[in-house]
Amino acid sequence: MLPVVATLLGGACALPMVHESTRTVDLVVAATTDVHAYVRGWDYYANRPDTVRGLTRVATIVDSLRRVSTELPVLVDAGDMLQGSPVAYVAARIDTMMPNPVMLAMNAMQYTAAAVGNHEFNYGLPALERAIRQSTFPLLAANVFTAEGKHRFQGWAVATRNGVKIAIVGATTPGSMVSSGCLVRVRVLYIWIIKDVLTRAEKIEVVFELHSCSS
């Protein structure tokens, strides 16, 4: 039985869909998408402050939610966080021994889970795997498999708030085979996102699907 089911699609794909509930749940969910390695509120290319982007600006909002919430908010990201700024390039290509600054920032913000976006593959699987090892939260991609047919990444995770179990299912766009094909071809396979994925979580009261669908 799924008394409460919610679907959260990231990457500006759709608004959350909330289905019929048999009880009232006070649940605070905060979501980000397409962070693209903007850790600070700074335009790394123009070398000036950026008033609309940056995890530090998101952290201010999340801290405000935590101050007024009785339970820790569920904080999720819908993908495309590890590529897009010079900070990401340095961590992936220049100094691969350094801790990934994006993961450090998201760990400090206590993210609950994140979906693997297509841009997470831009620096290749080794760079993505390093970032996953450094994260304190799961990076999810239920529809990515090895060539042998095994799940390549963790597909879902469970969090609990106010005594309610919350399943978070992550999926990435099959378009990753196009945008990062030369880096992942043969190593991983992407299947179309299963429409009934939410029905696979038993005894879970709230289900979120984090779907990275940007191009």
C-alpha atoms as a PDB file:
ATOM      1  CA  MET A   1       0.000   0.000   0.000  1.00  0.00           C
ATOM      2  CA  LEU A   2       1.226   3.483  -0.877  1.00  0.00           C
ATOM      3  CA  PRO A   3      -0.834   5.934   1.151  1.00  0.00           C
ATOM      4  CA  VAL A   4       1.161   8.926  -0.078  1.00  0.00           C
ATOM      5  CA  VAL A   5       2.906   9.017  -3.450  1.00  0.00           C
ATOM      6  CA  ALA A   6       4.706  12.011  -4.915  1.00  0.00           C
ATOM      7  CA  THR A   7       6.752  12.218  -8.076  1.00  0.00           C
ATOM      8  CA  LEU A   8       9.511  14.795  -8.417  1.00  0.00           C
ATOM      9  CA  LEU A   9      10.978  15.240 -11.884  1.00  0.00           C
ATOM     10  CA  GLY A  10      14.127  17.303 -12.072  1.00  0.00           C
ATOM     11  CA  GLY A  11      15.700  19.189 -14.942  1.00  0.00           C
ATOM     12  CA  ALA A  12      12.647  21.400 -15.425  1.00  0.00           C
ATOM     13  CA  CYS A  13      10.730  18.445 -16.873  1.00  0.00           C
ATOM     14  CA  ALA A  14       7.531  18.704 -14.887  1.00  0.00           C
ATOM     15  CA  LEU A  15       5.990  19.984 -11.723  1.00  0.00           C
ATOM     16  CA  PRO A  16       5.674  17.551  -8.788  1.00  0.00           C
ATOM     17  CA  MET A  17       2.568  15.361  -8.974  1.00  0.00           C
ATOM     18  CA  VAL A  18       0.861  14.592  -5.682  1.00  0.00           C
ATOM     19  CA  HIS A  19      -1.596  11.708  -5.596  1.00  0.00           C
ATOM     20  CA  GLU A  20      -4.401  10.957  -3.199  1.00  0.00           C
ATOM     21  CA  SER A  21      -3.365  10.531   0.445  1.00  0.00           C
ATOM     22  CA  THR A  22      -5.057   8.710   3.297  1.00  0.00           C
ATOM     23  CA  ARG A  23      -3.366  10.807   5.979  1.00  0.00           C
ATOM     24  CA  THR A  24      -1.709  14.162   6.501  1.00  0.00           C
ATOM     25  CA  VAL A  25       2.079  14.306   6.426  1.00  0.00           C
ATOM     26  CA  ASP A  26       4.073  17.427   7.220  1.00  0.00           C
ATOM     27  CA  LEU A  27       7.021  16.937   4.884  1.00  0.00           C
ATOM     28  CA  VAL A  28       9.445  19.616   3.726  1.00  0.00           C
ATOM     29  CA  VAL A  29      11.273  18.903   0.460  1.00  0.00           C
ATOM     30  CA  ALA A  30      13.891  21.174  -1.109  1.00  0.00           C
ATOM     31  CA  ALA A  31      15.283  20.394  -4.556  1.00  0.00           C
ATOM     32  CA  THR A  32      18.031  21.719  -6.785  1.00  0.00           C
ATOM     33  CA  THR A  33      18.952  20.898 -10.359  1.00  0.00           C
ATOM     34  CA  ASP A  34      21.621  21.875 -12.884  1.00  0.00           C
ATOM     35  CA  VAL A  35      23.996  23.267 -10.263  1.00  0.00           C
ATOM     36  CA  HIS A  36      26.826  22.764 -12.785  1.00  0.00           C
ATOM     37  CA  ALA A  37      29.576  23.021 -10.166  1.00  0.00           C
ATOM     38  CA  TYR A  38      28.725  26.566  -9.099  1.00  0.00           C
ATOM     39  CA  VAL A  39      29.757  26.196  -5.479  1.00  0.00           C
ATOM     40  CA  ARG A  40      29.919  29.879  -4.591  1.00  0.00           C
ATOM     41  CA  GLY A  41      27.718  32.741  -5.715  1.00  0.00           C
ATOM     42  CA  TRP A  42      30.395  33.724  -8.190  1.00  0.00           C
ATOM     43  CA  ASP A  43      30.630  33.885 -11.959  1.00  0.00           C
ATOM     44  CA  TYR A  44      33.905  32.040 -12.522  1.00  0.00           C
ATOM     45  CA  TYR A  45      34.143  33.203 -16.126  1.00  0.00           C
ATOM     46  CA  ALA A  46      33.360  36.890 -15.637  1.00  0.00           C
ATOM     47  CA  ASN A  47      35.167  36.978 -12.259  1.00  0.00           C
ATOM     48  CA  ARG A  48      32.364  38.773 -10.478  1.00  0.00           C
ATOM     49  CA  PRO A  49      29.557  37.993  -8.032  1.00  0.00           C
ATOM     50  CA  ASP A  50      26.638  35.921  -9.328  1.00  0.00           C
ATOM     51  CA  THR A  51      23.408  36.747  -7.543  1.00  0.00           C
ATOM     52  CA  VAL A  52      21.334  33.867  -8.910  1.00  0.00           C
ATOM     53  CA  ARG A  53      23.567  30.768  -8.793  1.00  0.00           C
ATOM     54  CA  GLY A  54      25.733  28.896  -6.320  1.00  0.00           C
ATOM     55  CA  LEU A  55      25.363  26.257  -3.623  1.00  0.00           C
ATOM     56  CA  THR A  56      26.262  28.826  -0.985  1.00  0.00           C
ATOM     57  CA  ARG A  57      23.101  30.750  -1.896  1.00  0.00           C
ATOM     58  CA  VAL A  58      21.079  27.541  -1.815  1.00  0.00           C
ATOM     59  CA  ALA A  59      22.551  26.749   1.600  1.00  0.00           C
ATOM     60  CA  THR A  60      21.146  30.008   2.974  1.00  0.00           C
ATOM     61  CA  ILE A  61      17.647  29.014   1.869  1.00  0.00           C
ATOM     62  CA  VAL A  62      18.006  25.464   3.188  1.00  0.00           C
ATOM     63  CA  ASP A  63      19.271  26.738   6.554  1.00  0.00           C
ATOM     64  CA  SER A  64      16.179  28.948   6.775  1.00  0.00           C
ATOM     65  CA  LEU A  65      13.949  25.915   6.128  1.00  0.00           C
ATOM     66  CA  ARG A  66      15.724  23.949   8.829  1.00  0.00           C
ATOM     67  CA  ARG A  67      15.196  26.694  11.375  1.00  0.00           C
ATOM     68  CA  VAL A  68      11.418  26.611  10.903  1.00  0.00           C
ATOM     69  CA  SER A  69      10.941  22.864  10.299  1.00  0.00           C
ATOM     70  CA  THR A  70      10.309  20.348  13.045  1.00  0.00           C
ATOM     71  CA  GLU A  71      12.037  17.679  10.948  1.00  0.00           C
ATOM     72  CA  LEU A  72      15.144  17.850   8.792  1.00  0.00           C
ATOM     73  CA  PRO A  73      14.000  18.741   5.250  1.00  0.00           C
ATOM     74  CA  VAL A  74      14.511  16.211   2.479  1.00  0.00           C
ATOM     75  CA  LEU A  75      17.148  17.855   0.281  1.00  0.00           C
ATOM     76  CA  VAL A  76      17.595  16.348  -3.183  1.00  0.00           C
ATOM     77  CA  ASP A  77      19.267  17.228  -6.467  1.00  0.00           C
ATOM     78  CA  ALA A  78      18.042  16.172  -9.916  1.00  0.00           C
ATOM     79  CA  GLY A  79      21.466  15.941 -11.540  1.00  0.00           C
ATOM     80  CA  ASP A  80      24.110  17.826 -13.496  1.00  0.00           C
ATOM     81  CA  MET A  81      26.125  19.019 -10.529  1.00  0.00           C
ATOM     82  CA  LEU A  82      29.680  17.872 -11.338  1.00  0.00           C
ATOM     83  CA  GLN A  83      30.364  19.710 -14.604  1.00  0.00           C
ATOM     84  CA  GLY A  84      30.056  23.265 -15.842  1.00  0.00           C
ATOM     85  CA  SER A  85      32.597  25.488 -14.086  1.00  0.00           C
ATOM     86  CA  PRO A  86      36.407  25.761 -13.796  1.00  0.00           C
ATOM     87  CA  VAL A  87      36.109  24.316 -10.289  1.00  0.00           C
ATOM     88  CA  ALA A  88      34.762  21.077 -11.745  1.00  0.00           C
ATOM     89  CA  TYR A  89      37.426  20.961 -14.444  1.00  0.00           C
ATOM     90  CA  VAL A  90      40.257  21.329 -11.931  1.00  0.00           C
ATOM     91  CA  ALA A  91      38.854  18.538  -9.743  1.00  0.00           C
ATOM     92  CA  ALA A  92      38.318  16.209 -12.706  1.00  0.00           C
ATOM     93  CA  ARG A  93      41.370  16.928 -14.861  1.00  0.00           C
ATOM     94  CA  ILE A  94      44.055  18.983 -13.058  1.00  0.00           C
ATOM     95  CA  ASP A  95      44.194  17.668  -9.487  1.00  0.00           C
ATOM     96  CA  THR A  96      42.380  14.357  -9.258  1.00  0.00           C
ATOM     97  CA  MET A  97      43.683  13.800  -5.720  1.00  0.00           C
ATOM     98  CA  MET A  98      41.874  16.816  -4.309  1.00  0.00           C
ATOM     99  CA  PRO A  99      38.447  16.332  -2.711  1.00  0.00           C
ATOM    100  CA  ASN A 100      35.740  17.322  -5.157  1.00  0.00           C
ATOM    101  CA  PRO A 101      34.591  20.790  -3.997  1.00  0.00           C
ATOM    102  CA  VAL A 102      31.024  20.161  -5.181  1.00  0.00           C
ATOM    103  CA  MET A 103      30.781  17.001  -3.095  1.00  0.00           C
ATOM    104  CA  LEU A 104      32.288  18.778  -0.098  1.00  0.00           C
ATOM    105  CA  ALA A 105      29.707  21.543  -0.352  1.00  0.00           C
ATOM    106  CA  MET A 106      26.782  19.162  -0.826  1.00  0.00           C
ATOM    107  CA  ASN A 107      27.988  17.005   2.074  1.00  0.00           C
ATOM    108  CA  ALA A 108      28.097  20.072   4.298  1.00  0.00           C
ATOM    109  CA  MET A 109      24.556  20.954   3.222  1.00  0.00           C
ATOM    110  CA  GLN A 110      23.427  17.422   4.171  1.00  0.00           C
ATOM    111  CA  TYR A 111      21.839  16.412   0.886  1.00  0.00           C
ATOM    112  CA  THR A 112      19.622  13.361   1.235  1.00  0.00           C
ATOM    113  CA  ALA A 113      20.167  12.037  -2.302  1.00  0.00           C
ATOM    114  CA  ALA A 114      20.862  13.116  -5.879  1.00  0.00           C
ATOM    115  CA  ALA A 115      20.215  11.750  -9.340  1.00  0.00           C
ATOM    116  CA  VAL A 116      23.089  11.099 -11.713  1.00  0.00           C
ATOM    117  CA  GLY A 117      22.664  13.572 -14.576  1.00  0.00           C
ATOM    118  CA  ASN A 118      23.950  13.217 -18.114  1.00  0.00           C
ATOM    119  CA  HIS A 119      26.680  15.799 -17.450  1.00  0.00           C
ATOM    120  CA  GLU A 120      28.024  13.672 -14.591  1.00  0.00           C
ATOM    121  CA  PHE A 121      29.535  11.486 -17.336  1.00  0.00           C
ATOM    122  CA  ASN A 122      31.318  14.340 -19.135  1.00  0.00           C
ATOM    123  CA  TYR A 123      34.671  13.656 -17.470  1.00  0.00           C
ATOM    124  CA  GLY A 124      34.328   9.886 -17.726  1.00  0.00           C
ATOM    125  CA  LEU A 125      33.324   7.157 -15.312  1.00  0.00           C
ATOM    126  CA  PRO A 126      36.491   7.331 -13.143  1.00  0.00           C
ATOM    127  CA  ALA A 127      35.827  10.989 -12.261  1.00  0.00           C
ATOM    128  CA  LEU A 128      32.196  10.215 -11.461  1.00  0.00           C
ATOM    129  CA  GLU A 129      33.184   7.239  -9.319  1.00  0.00           C
ATOM    130  CA  ARG A 130      35.648   9.392  -7.357  1.00  0.00           C
ATOM    131  CA  ALA A 131      32.918  11.904  -6.638  1.00  0.00           C
ATOM    132  CA  ILE A 132      30.525   9.156  -5.532  1.00  0.00           C
ATOM    133  CA  ARG A 133      33.134   7.785  -3.114  1.00  0.00           C
ATOM    134  CA  GLN A 134      33.527  11.243  -1.598  1.00  0.00           C
ATOM    135  CA  SER A 135      29.817  11.904  -1.115  1.00  0.00           C
ATOM    136  CA  THR A 136      27.996  11.194   2.143  1.00  0.00           C
ATOM    137  CA  PHE A 137      24.685  10.831   0.268  1.00  0.00           C
ATOM    138  CA  PRO A 138      23.751   8.397  -2.526  1.00  0.00           C
ATOM    139  CA  LEU A 139      23.932   9.339  -6.217  1.00  0.00           C
ATOM    140  CA  LEU A 140      21.147   7.397  -7.903  1.00  0.00           C
ATOM    141  CA  ALA A 141      20.597   6.038 -11.416  1.00  0.00           C
ATOM    142  CA  ALA A 142      18.191   3.103 -11.494  1.00  0.00           C
ATOM    143  CA  ASN A 143      18.184   2.837 -15.292  1.00  0.00           C
ATOM    144  CA  VAL A 144      21.940   2.537 -15.887  1.00  0.00           C
ATOM    145  CA  PHE A 145      23.365  -0.960 -16.309  1.00  0.00           C
ATOM    146  CA  THR A 146      26.668  -2.612 -17.064  1.00  0.00           C
ATOM    147  CA  ALA A 147      27.173  -4.428 -20.346  1.00  0.00           C
ATOM    148  CA  GLU A 148      26.465  -7.616 -18.386  1.00  0.00           C
ATOM    149  CA  GLY A 149      23.042  -6.343 -17.342  1.00  0.00           C
ATOM    150  CA  LYS A 150      23.816  -5.476 -13.711  1.00  0.00           C
ATOM    151  CA  HIS A 151      22.910  -2.165 -12.081  1.00  0.00           C
ATOM    152  CA  ARG A 152      25.852   0.224 -12.494  1.00  0.00           C
ATOM    153  CA  PHE A 153      24.818   2.604  -9.729  1.00  0.00           C
ATOM    154  CA  GLN A 154      22.606   2.569  -6.688  1.00  0.00           C
ATOM    155  CA  GLY A 155      19.033   2.962  -7.884  1.00  0.00           C
ATOM    156  CA  TRP A 156      17.130   4.135  -4.853  1.00  0.00           C
ATOM    157  CA  ALA A 157      17.470   5.103  -1.211  1.00  0.00           C
ATOM    158  CA  VAL A 158      15.165   5.415   1.794  1.00  0.00           C
ATOM    159  CA  ALA A 159      14.933   8.285   4.257  1.00  0.00           C
ATOM    160  CA  THR A 160      12.621   8.649   7.251  1.00  0.00           C
ATOM    161  CA  ARG A 161      10.905  11.839   8.383  1.00  0.00           C
ATOM    162  CA  ASN A 162       8.207  12.085  11.077  1.00  0.00           C
ATOM    163  CA  GLY A 163       8.094   8.298  11.178  1.00  0.00           C
ATOM    164  CA  VAL A 164       7.318   8.153   7.441  1.00  0.00           C
ATOM    165  CA  LYS A 165       9.479   6.129   5.079  1.00  0.00           C
ATOM    166  CA  ILE A 166      10.411   8.049   1.942  1.00  0.00           C
ATOM    167  CA  ALA A 167      11.768   6.233  -1.103  1.00  0.00           C
ATOM    168  CA  ILE A 168      13.889   8.302  -3.469  1.00  0.00           C
ATOM    169  CA  VAL A 169      14.382   6.770  -6.913  1.00  0.00           C
ATOM    170  CA  GLY A 170      16.939   8.258  -9.293  1.00  0.00           C
ATOM    171  CA  ALA A 171      17.147   7.953 -13.071  1.00  0.00           C
ATOM    172  CA  THR A 172      19.248   9.577 -15.756  1.00  0.00           C
ATOM    173  CA  THR A 173      18.416  10.473 -19.326  1.00  0.00           C
ATOM    174  CA  PRO A 174      19.308   7.881 -21.980  1.00  0.00           C
ATOM    175  CA  GLY A 175      20.553  10.904 -23.916  1.00  0.00           C
ATOM    176  CA  SER A 176      23.807  10.456 -22.003  1.00  0.00           C
ATOM    177  CA  MET A 177      24.734   7.963 -24.691  1.00  0.00           C
ATOM    178  CA  VAL A 178      24.741  10.895 -27.107  1.00  0.00           C
ATOM    179  CA  SER A 179      26.244  13.684 -24.999  1.00  0.00           C
ATOM    180  CA  SER A 180      28.965  11.479 -23.466  1.00  0.00           C
ATOM    181  CA  GLY A 181      28.864   8.490 -25.796  1.00  0.00           C
ATOM    182  CA  CYS A 182      32.614   8.225 -26.415  1.00  0.00           C
ATOM    183  CA  LEU A 183      33.240   8.103 -22.647  1.00  0.00           C
ATOM    184  CA  VAL A 184      30.616   5.555 -21.653  1.00  0.00           C
ATOM    185  CA  ARG A 185      29.896   3.441 -24.743  1.00  0.00           C
ATOM    186  CA  VAL A 186      30.356  -0.301 -24.126  1.00  0.00           C
ATOM    187  CA  ARG A 187      30.926   0.363 -20.408  1.00  0.00           C
ATOM    188  CA  VAL A 188      27.346   1.206 -19.468  1.00  0.00           C
ATOM    189  CA  LEU A 189      23.890   0.864 -20.970  1.00  0.00           C
ATOM    190  CA  TYR A 190      20.913   3.174 -20.452  1.00  0.00           C
ATOM    191  CA  ILE A 191      17.333   2.018 -20.682  1.00  0.00           C
ATOM    192  CA  TRP A 192      14.217   4.150 -20.942  1.00  0.00           C
ATOM    193  CA  ILE A 193      12.898   5.149 -17.565  1.00  0.00           C
ATOM    194  CA  ILE A 194      10.341   2.629 -16.372  1.00  0.00           C
ATOM    195  CA  LYS A 195       6.970   4.297 -15.941  1.00  0.00           C
ATOM    196  CA  ASP A 196       5.883   2.048 -13.112  1.00  0.00           C
ATOM    197  CA  VAL A 197       9.115   2.429 -11.109  1.00  0.00           C
ATOM    198  CA  LEU A 198       7.162   3.922  -8.208  1.00  0.00           C
ATOM    199  CA  THR A 199       5.170   0.727  -7.718  1.00  0.00           C
ATOM    200  CA  ARG A 200       8.328  -1.247  -7.000  1.00  0.00           C
ATOM    201  CA  ALA A 201       8.870   0.169  -3.514  1.00  0.00           C
ATOM    202  CA  GLU A 202       6.869  -1.874  -1.029  1.00  0.00           C
ATOM    203  CA  LYS A 203       5.876  -0.580   2.415  1.00  0.00           C
ATOM    204  CA  ILE A 204       7.031   2.883   1.442  1.00  0.00           C
ATOM    205  CA  GLU A 205       4.689   5.756   2.155  1.00  0.00           C
ATOM    206  CA  VAL A 206       6.238   8.526   0.057  1.00  0.00           C
ATOM    207  CA  VAL A 207       8.130   7.987  -3.188  1.00  0.00           C
ATOM    208  CA  PHE A 208      10.122  10.629  -5.059  1.00  0.00           C
ATOM    209  CA  GLU A 209      11.553  10.047  -8.499  1.00  0.00           C
ATOM    210  CA  LEU A 210      14.582  12.193  -9.308  1.00  0.00           C
ATOM    211  CA  HIS A 211      14.856  12.179 -13.061  1.00  0.00           C
ATOM    212  CA  SER A 212      17.610  14.054 -14.847  1.00  0.00           C
ATOM    213  CA  CYS A 213      16.195  14.815 -18.296  1.00  0.00           C
ATOM    214  CA  SER A 214      18.223  17.769 -19.537  1.00  0.00           C
ATOM    215  CA  SER A 215      20.081  17.480 -22.815  1.00  0.00           C
END
